[in-house]
Amino acid sequence: MPGNTYLISPALSYFYYMRLEFDSYQLFFYAKPYQHRFIQLFHEDKQVGSLTFDDYQAVPENTASDDSINLKFHESDYRDIVDLLRNEAPLFIWINTDNGIGGLSTSPDEFVGEAE
């Protein structure tokens, strides 16, 4: 398994996922005809992921390579994710390598009631 692949066991089902930390991001807003939003994620100035937001009828599949994860979100998720980027650290992008489900997460060391 690559160094960023983990085995977890939620609700008695085991699966492997890839998790990459990121420490900076860049936002993009596209004007017509596309009208979608895009966020690139970086760790130590190297791109490790991207988040694409659009008015999808059906959200496309998430994808991953050895050193990058690309997630697709409905445009309605944009504000919540930007809020997460602005207010939390450290942050990780992750993807289940079996079924393509992915997301963003905080560190498992995040304490309750930190008043961030």
Protein backbone atom coordinates (compact mmCIF):
# COMPACT_ATOMS: atom_id res chain seq x y z
CA MET A 1 0.00 0.00 0.00
CA PRO A 2 1.24 3.53 -0.71
CA GLY A 3 2.27 5.67 2.27
CA ASN A 4 -0.97 7.70 2.17
CA THR A 5 -3.34 4.71 2.13
CA TYR A 6 -5.17 3.74 5.30
CA LEU A 7 -7.43 0.91 6.41
CA ILE A 8 -10.42 1.99 8.44
CA SER A 9 -13.39 0.17 9.87
CA PRO A 10 -16.59 2.21 10.12
CA ALA A 11 -19.67 0.21 11.09
CA LEU A 12 -17.92 -3.14 10.66
CA SER A 13 -17.09 -2.63 6.96
CA TYR A 14 -13.43 -2.36 6.06
CA PHE A 15 -12.16 -0.26 3.18
CA TYR A 16 -8.99 1.42 2.03
CA TYR A 17 -8.74 5.12 1.46
CA MET A 18 -6.10 7.54 0.30
CA ARG A 19 -5.63 10.69 2.40
CA LEU A 20 -3.45 13.71 1.52
CA GLU A 21 -2.82 16.72 3.73
CA PHE A 22 -3.01 20.20 2.21
CA ASP A 23 -1.90 23.55 3.61
CA SER A 24 -2.98 26.09 0.98
CA TYR A 25 -5.55 26.54 -1.76
CA GLN A 26 -6.42 28.67 -4.77
CA LEU A 27 -9.98 29.58 -5.79
CA PHE A 28 -11.23 29.95 -9.37
CA PHE A 29 -14.57 31.32 -10.61
CA TYR A 30 -15.42 30.73 -14.24
CA ALA A 31 -17.77 33.07 -16.08
CA LYS A 32 -20.21 32.09 -18.79
CA PRO A 33 -20.55 29.77 -20.58
CA TYR A 34 -19.15 27.47 -17.84
CA GLN A 35 -20.24 29.16 -14.61
CA HIS A 36 -18.56 26.72 -12.27
CA ARG A 37 -16.15 27.01 -9.37
CA PHE A 38 -12.87 25.22 -8.91
CA ILE A 39 -10.43 24.98 -5.97
CA GLN A 40 -6.89 23.67 -6.24
CA LEU A 41 -5.33 22.23 -3.06
CA PHE A 42 -1.59 22.32 -2.32
CA HIS A 43 0.83 20.85 0.20
CA GLU A 44 4.22 22.56 0.34
CA ASP A 45 3.53 24.23 -3.04
CA LYS A 46 2.73 20.92 -4.78
CA GLN A 47 -0.82 20.34 -6.01
CA VAL A 48 -2.36 17.38 -4.18
CA GLY A 49 -5.99 17.78 -5.17
CA SER A 50 -8.82 19.71 -6.72
CA LEU A 51 -12.46 20.37 -5.95
CA THR A 52 -14.88 21.13 -8.79
CA PHE A 53 -18.32 22.62 -8.13
CA ASP A 54 -21.05 22.72 -10.75
CA ASP A 55 -24.81 22.47 -11.18
CA TYR A 56 -24.59 18.76 -11.96
CA GLN A 57 -27.73 16.75 -12.61
CA ALA A 58 -25.68 13.76 -11.52
CA VAL A 59 -22.33 14.48 -9.86
CA PRO A 60 -19.47 12.87 -11.88
CA GLU A 61 -17.13 10.27 -10.42
CA ASN A 62 -14.28 11.35 -8.17
CA THR A 63 -10.82 10.34 -9.35
CA ALA A 64 -7.35 9.81 -7.90
CA SER A 65 -3.80 9.16 -9.02
CA ASP A 66 -0.77 8.26 -6.89
CA ASP A 67 -0.31 11.86 -5.69
CA SER A 68 -3.56 13.74 -6.37
CA ILE A 69 -7.27 13.45 -5.57
CA ASN A 70 -9.97 15.18 -7.64
CA LEU A 71 -13.42 15.53 -6.10
CA LYS A 72 -16.66 16.73 -7.68
CA PHE A 73 -19.33 18.59 -5.67
CA HIS A 74 -22.67 20.18 -6.38
CA GLU A 75 -22.40 23.99 -6.43
CA SER A 76 -24.59 24.20 -3.31
CA ASP A 77 -21.68 22.74 -1.28
CA TYR A 78 -19.31 25.57 -2.19
CA ARG A 79 -19.94 27.97 0.73
CA ASP A 80 -19.65 25.22 3.35
CA ILE A 81 -16.37 24.00 1.91
CA VAL A 82 -14.87 27.50 1.66
CA ASP A 83 -15.87 28.03 5.31
CA LEU A 84 -14.07 24.79 6.23
CA LEU A 85 -10.94 25.89 4.33
CA ARG A 86 -10.90 29.28 6.07
CA ASN A 87 -11.52 28.04 9.61
CA GLU A 88 -9.91 24.64 10.08
CA ALA A 89 -6.37 23.28 10.08
CA PRO A 90 -4.88 20.86 9.42
CA LEU A 91 -7.07 19.62 6.58
CA PHE A 92 -7.01 16.50 4.44
CA ILE A 93 -8.55 15.45 1.14
CA TRP A 94 -9.44 11.76 1.00
CA ILE A 95 -10.98 9.16 -1.30
CA ASN A 96 -12.17 5.60 -0.78
CA THR A 97 -10.06 3.70 -3.30
CA ASP A 98 -12.69 0.99 -3.70
CA ASN A 99 -15.81 3.01 -4.49
CA GLY A 100 -14.60 6.57 -5.27
CA ILE A 101 -16.44 8.26 -2.39
CA GLY A 102 -14.32 11.15 -1.15
CA GLY A 103 -14.33 14.27 0.94
CA LEU A 104 -12.46 16.68 3.16
CA SER A 105 -11.66 16.11 6.82
CA THR A 106 -9.96 17.65 9.79
CA SER A 107 -7.25 15.91 11.76
CA PRO A 108 -8.31 13.12 14.10
CA ASP A 109 -6.63 15.25 16.79
CA GLU A 110 -9.33 17.95 16.51
CA PHE A 111 -10.67 18.68 20.00
CA VAL A 112 -14.31 19.39 20.81
CA GLY A 113 -15.07 23.00 21.72
CA GLU A 114 -11.93 24.67 20.37
CA ALA A 115 -13.98 27.78 19.53
CA GLU A 116 -12.49 28.13 16.07
